[in-house]
Each structure stands twice: as structure tokens, then as C-alpha cells.
Amino acid sequence: MKILIIEDEVQLSKSIFSYLKDEKYSCDLAEDFESAQEKLETFDYDCILLDITLPDGNGLELLKFLKEENKSDGVIIISAKNSLDDKISGLQLGADDYLAKPFHLSELGARISSVIRRRQFQGSSVIKINDLEIDTDAKSISVNSKMIDFTRKEYDILLYLSVNKNKIVSKNAIAEHIAEDNIDFFDNFDFLYAHIKNIKKKLAHFGAQDCIKSVYGMGYKIESK
């Protein structure tokens, strides 16, 4: 799961970033309006944490941008402003939730999970594909009730493909999804091929069906039967 943190308070953004990384989320940071808009134009996110008051613009304008571009990223407003007008404006523009500062990181984590469940998994925290089961709350993957040990990148790739089951996902899209802010460092897809190979090997070891298909010249897809 990929999260964008739009927050100009450096210490707070670092705390959120560290907490979410420990929770096995992939995170990007944006400290101002301009860099946030650039990331929103380039990437898709499972959830965006949005501060309304930014040094070079109003966060509500970013919500308007998401709406105009028909992007489906989940949004949680995190702001020191706790007025009813701000809350109503944000929700009317498409935000999923509103959390006033200060807040506990565990509450933020719970709200992120809730937004992602509603947006992508019809309220459930578990994705089932054939004999494969992914628990997005526990960040775990099992086959026939047997837990499999995946690295965070492997988990992210498998989850991303599963969310897009029966759809071809391009290699570029997968790379961007797991790369965080390091996409410019990848001059080929060797890292992706290695991860896919490891995922398939682990699934096969536990007797899972070979559901990850390579589509020549395009990318990969998970086939759900």
C-alpha cells in the first residue's frame, strides 16, 4: 500500500513516515503544495494524508485537483484547523476522513486502514484469490492457511497485482508503486524480475496455484478463477 504524506511540519511528517514504514506501508513525502501536486500528477496512492495549511498554497486546492482528474486516491485531511467549515469543505471536495492535530499515530493508522478497506476492498481487510489469502490489516499472506514469509517489497507487489486482479499491470506501474522516491534510480527492470521470481518461488513452495502471469511486452497480471 502506497501512502503520500503532505505535511510541512518536518518533525510530524518524519514521525508519521517512520510509523507507517514500521506498519509496512510504502511512503512518499511532500512538504509543500508544489511538490505535492507534482507527486499527485505522477503517481497514484492508496491513501493521501493532507494538511490543509501549506506554505505555498491551500490543501483544499489539491482535493479539487484530484476531483478534476477523476483520481480515486483515498484522502484523510490532517490539520490543526478544526472548524466545521474546513471539515465540511474537505468532505464535500472528496476527502474520506478528517483528523485534527494533535492525534495518536495508532488512530491515524486505524483510519488509513479503514479508508483503504472502503475504497478498494468493499469494507473487508482480506483479499482472496484462488488459494491465496492476503490480510491487509495483519500485512500477512497465506496459502491454504499456511503463512508465507514475504519481504515488504514482495508483499507490496503481490498486493498491488491482487488489487488489480485479472487486469494487466505494466512493469512501469509496478515499479512506480514500490519505488517510493527512488524511481529515477531504476534504469532497468531487473529488480522487478527478481522480486517476481522470488514471489512465484515462495508461492510454489507452499503449493499455491501459479496465478501470476507474464504478459509479453506489457507486464503482469494475477488471474482469479
Protein backbone atom coordinates (compact mmCIF):
# COMPACT_ATOMS: atom_id res chain seq x y z
CA MET A 1 0.00 0.00 0.00
CA LYS A 2 1.38 3.39 -1.04
CA ILE A 3 0.81 6.49 1.10
CA LEU A 4 1.56 10.16 0.35
CA ILE A 5 2.19 12.37 3.38
CA ILE A 6 1.59 16.06 2.58
CA GLU A 7 2.73 17.89 5.69
CA ASP A 8 5.02 20.91 6.19
CA GLU A 9 5.76 20.24 9.88
CA VAL A 10 9.03 18.34 9.48
CA GLN A 11 9.01 16.58 12.84
CA LEU A 12 5.41 15.44 12.44
CA SER A 13 5.93 14.21 8.90
CA LYS A 14 9.01 12.25 9.99
CA SER A 15 7.08 10.68 12.87
CA ILE A 16 4.22 9.65 10.56
CA PHE A 17 6.66 8.38 7.94
CA SER A 18 8.55 6.25 10.48
CA TYR A 19 5.35 4.84 11.99
CA LEU A 20 3.84 3.90 8.62
CA LYS A 21 7.10 2.34 7.41
CA ASP A 22 7.05 0.13 10.52
CA GLU A 23 3.48 -0.79 9.57
CA LYS A 24 4.83 -1.93 6.17
CA TYR A 25 3.40 0.92 4.12
CA SER A 26 5.34 2.44 1.23
CA CYS A 27 5.53 6.21 1.80
CA ASP A 28 6.32 9.39 -0.10
CA LEU A 29 6.74 12.83 1.48
CA ALA A 30 5.76 16.28 0.23
CA GLU A 31 6.41 19.36 2.37
CA ASP A 32 4.70 21.98 0.20
CA PHE A 33 1.91 22.48 -2.32
CA GLU A 34 4.13 22.42 -5.41
CA SER A 35 5.91 19.14 -4.62
CA ALA A 36 2.61 17.55 -3.55
CA GLN A 37 0.92 18.43 -6.83
CA GLU A 38 3.91 17.09 -8.77
CA LYS A 39 3.64 13.73 -6.99
CA LEU A 40 -0.13 13.59 -7.45
CA GLU A 41 0.34 14.19 -11.18
CA THR A 42 2.93 11.41 -11.40
CA PHE A 43 1.72 8.65 -9.05
CA ASP A 44 -1.44 7.02 -7.74
CA TYR A 45 -1.76 6.45 -3.99
CA ASP A 46 -3.89 4.18 -1.84
CA CYS A 47 -4.25 6.96 0.72
CA ILE A 48 -3.16 10.60 0.95
CA LEU A 49 -2.61 12.36 4.28
CA LEU A 50 -3.30 16.00 3.52
CA ASP A 51 -2.53 19.07 5.63
CA ILE A 52 -4.80 21.94 4.58
CA THR A 53 -2.39 24.75 5.51
CA LEU A 54 0.74 24.57 3.34
CA PRO A 55 3.42 27.27 3.00
CA ASP A 56 2.71 27.89 -0.70
CA GLY A 57 -0.96 27.00 -1.09
CA ASN A 58 -4.19 25.61 0.30
CA GLY A 59 -4.51 21.84 0.58
CA LEU A 60 -8.16 22.05 -0.45
CA GLU A 61 -6.95 23.02 -3.94
CA LEU A 62 -5.20 19.66 -4.13
CA LEU A 63 -8.52 17.98 -3.36
CA LYS A 64 -10.07 19.94 -6.24
CA PHE A 65 -7.24 18.75 -8.50
CA LEU A 66 -7.88 15.10 -7.57
CA LYS A 67 -11.59 15.55 -8.28
CA GLU A 68 -10.97 17.24 -11.64
CA GLU A 69 -8.58 14.46 -12.68
CA ASN A 70 -11.05 11.75 -11.56
CA LYS A 71 -8.37 10.17 -9.38
CA SER A 72 -9.57 7.60 -6.84
CA ASP A 73 -6.89 8.08 -4.18
CA GLY A 74 -8.28 7.96 -0.64
CA VAL A 75 -7.75 11.18 1.34
CA ILE A 76 -7.54 11.89 5.05
CA ILE A 77 -7.22 15.56 6.00
CA ILE A 78 -4.83 16.12 8.92
CA SER A 79 -4.89 19.71 10.08
CA ALA A 80 -4.67 21.93 13.14
CA LYS A 81 -7.75 23.68 11.85
CA ASN A 82 -10.76 22.05 13.46
CA SER A 83 -13.53 24.35 12.29
CA LEU A 84 -16.77 22.91 10.97
CA ASP A 85 -16.39 24.86 7.70
CA ASP A 86 -12.98 23.31 6.95
CA LYS A 87 -14.28 19.83 7.70
CA ILE A 88 -17.37 20.26 5.53
CA SER A 89 -15.38 21.80 2.66
CA GLY A 90 -12.89 18.94 2.68
CA LEU A 91 -15.53 16.22 2.78
CA GLN A 92 -17.57 17.90 0.04
CA LEU A 93 -14.47 18.00 -2.17
CA GLY A 94 -13.99 14.25 -1.81
CA ALA A 95 -11.95 13.66 1.36
CA ASP A 96 -12.76 10.38 3.12
CA ASP A 97 -11.96 11.47 6.66
CA TYR A 98 -10.74 14.39 8.81
CA LEU A 99 -8.33 14.10 11.73
CA ALA A 100 -7.47 17.16 13.84
CA LYS A 101 -3.99 17.66 15.28
CA PRO A 102 -2.71 16.53 17.67
CA PHE A 103 -3.56 12.85 17.20
CA HIS A 104 -2.21 9.44 18.16
CA LEU A 105 -0.36 7.63 15.37
CA SER A 106 -2.26 4.44 16.17
CA GLU A 107 -5.55 6.26 15.47
CA LEU A 108 -4.16 7.56 12.19
CA GLY A 109 -3.13 4.02 11.26
CA ALA A 110 -6.63 2.72 12.02
CA ARG A 111 -8.22 5.41 9.88
CA ILE A 112 -5.87 4.71 6.96
CA SER A 113 -6.80 1.01 7.12
CA SER A 114 -10.48 1.93 7.19
CA VAL A 115 -10.20 4.22 4.15
CA ILE A 116 -8.30 1.61 2.13
CA ARG A 117 -10.81 -1.12 3.04
CA ARG A 118 -13.74 1.04 1.94
CA ARG A 119 -12.06 2.27 -1.22
CA GLN A 120 -10.54 -0.94 -2.52
CA PHE A 121 -11.80 -4.00 -0.65
CA GLN A 122 -15.53 -3.29 -0.18
CA GLY A 123 -15.04 -2.95 3.57
CA SER A 124 -13.11 -6.20 4.04
CA SER A 125 -9.49 -6.43 5.18
CA VAL A 126 -8.96 -9.79 3.46
CA ILE A 127 -8.40 -10.43 -0.26
CA LYS A 128 -8.94 -13.98 -1.50
CA ILE A 129 -7.64 -15.11 -4.87
CA ASN A 130 -7.89 -18.82 -5.57
CA ASP A 131 -5.99 -20.48 -2.69
CA LEU A 132 -4.19 -17.24 -1.81
CA GLU A 133 -5.31 -15.04 1.09
CA ILE A 134 -3.95 -11.57 1.87
CA ASP A 135 -4.82 -9.92 5.19
CA THR A 136 -4.23 -6.20 4.71
CA ASP A 137 -4.60 -5.43 8.43
CA ALA A 138 -2.09 -8.06 9.57
CA LYS A 139 0.06 -7.46 6.45
CA SER A 140 0.22 -11.23 6.01
CA ILE A 141 -0.11 -13.70 3.13
CA SER A 142 -1.14 -17.32 3.42
CA VAL A 143 -1.88 -20.27 1.17
CA ASN A 144 -4.29 -22.93 2.47
CA SER A 145 -3.91 -21.39 5.97
CA LYS A 146 -0.09 -21.65 5.82
CA MET A 147 1.66 -18.32 6.42
CA ILE A 148 4.35 -17.30 3.91
CA ASP A 149 7.23 -15.01 4.81
CA PHE A 150 7.50 -12.23 2.23
CA THR A 151 9.72 -9.15 2.21
CA ARG A 152 7.91 -5.79 2.26
CA LYS A 153 8.58 -5.23 -1.46
CA GLU A 154 7.32 -8.71 -2.33
CA TYR A 155 4.20 -8.11 -0.24
CA ASP A 156 3.59 -4.75 -1.94
CA ILE A 157 3.94 -6.23 -5.43
CA LEU A 158 1.65 -9.17 -4.71
CA LEU A 159 -0.95 -6.93 -3.08
CA TYR A 160 -0.82 -4.43 -5.96
CA LEU A 161 -1.37 -7.19 -8.51
CA SER A 162 -4.16 -8.65 -6.37
CA VAL A 163 -6.00 -5.33 -6.11
CA ASN A 164 -5.87 -5.27 -9.93
CA LYS A 165 -6.72 -8.95 -10.38
CA ASN A 166 -7.45 -10.10 -13.94
CA LYS A 167 -6.00 -6.82 -15.24
CA ILE A 168 -2.64 -6.40 -16.93
CA VAL A 169 -0.42 -4.14 -14.81
CA SER A 170 2.53 -2.60 -16.64
CA LYS A 171 6.07 -3.01 -15.37
CA ASN A 172 6.33 0.78 -15.13
CA ALA A 173 3.24 0.96 -12.92
CA ILE A 174 4.56 -1.72 -10.57
CA ALA A 175 7.98 -0.07 -10.40
CA GLU A 176 6.45 3.32 -9.59
CA HIS A 177 4.20 1.77 -6.96
CA ILE A 178 7.04 0.18 -4.98
CA ALA A 179 9.83 2.64 -5.70
CA GLU A 180 8.79 5.41 -3.28
CA ASP A 181 11.01 8.38 -4.17
CA ASN A 182 13.70 6.27 -5.86
CA ILE A 183 12.14 5.58 -9.27
CA ASP A 184 14.81 7.62 -11.04
CA PHE A 185 17.47 5.18 -9.84
CA PHE A 186 15.98 2.28 -11.80
CA ASP A 187 17.43 2.13 -15.30
CA ASN A 188 16.01 -1.35 -15.98
CA PHE A 189 13.54 -3.82 -14.51
CA ASP A 190 16.00 -6.38 -13.17
CA PHE A 191 14.90 -5.60 -9.61
CA LEU A 192 11.28 -6.29 -10.55
CA TYR A 193 12.08 -9.54 -12.34
CA ALA A 194 13.98 -10.73 -9.27
CA HIS A 195 11.07 -9.90 -6.94
CA ILE A 196 8.51 -11.62 -9.19
CA LYS A 197 10.74 -14.70 -9.43
CA ASN A 198 11.04 -14.87 -5.62
CA ILE A 199 7.29 -14.42 -5.15
CA LYS A 200 6.45 -17.21 -7.58
CA LYS A 201 9.05 -19.49 -5.99
CA LYS A 202 7.65 -18.97 -2.49
CA LEU A 203 4.06 -19.49 -3.63
CA ALA A 204 5.01 -22.67 -5.47
CA HIS A 205 6.84 -23.98 -2.39
CA PHE A 206 3.57 -23.80 -0.45
CA GLY A 207 1.58 -25.41 -3.23
CA ALA A 208 -0.22 -22.31 -4.48
CA GLN A 209 -1.66 -22.20 -7.98
CA ASP A 210 0.52 -20.39 -10.50
CA CYS A 211 -1.70 -17.32 -10.75
CA ILE A 212 0.90 -14.67 -11.68
CA LYS A 213 1.10 -14.48 -15.46
CA SER A 214 3.66 -12.60 -17.51
CA VAL A 215 2.14 -10.79 -20.50
CA TYR A 216 4.90 -10.37 -23.06
CA GLY A 217 5.84 -6.78 -23.76
CA MET A 218 3.23 -5.42 -21.34
CA GLY A 219 3.57 -6.54 -17.72
CA TYR A 220 1.96 -8.96 -15.27
CA LYS A 221 -1.47 -9.96 -14.03
CA ILE A 222 -2.96 -12.20 -11.37
CA GLU A 223 -5.67 -14.49 -12.69
CA SER A 224 -8.54 -15.18 -10.32
CA LYS A 225 -10.55 -18.29 -11.21
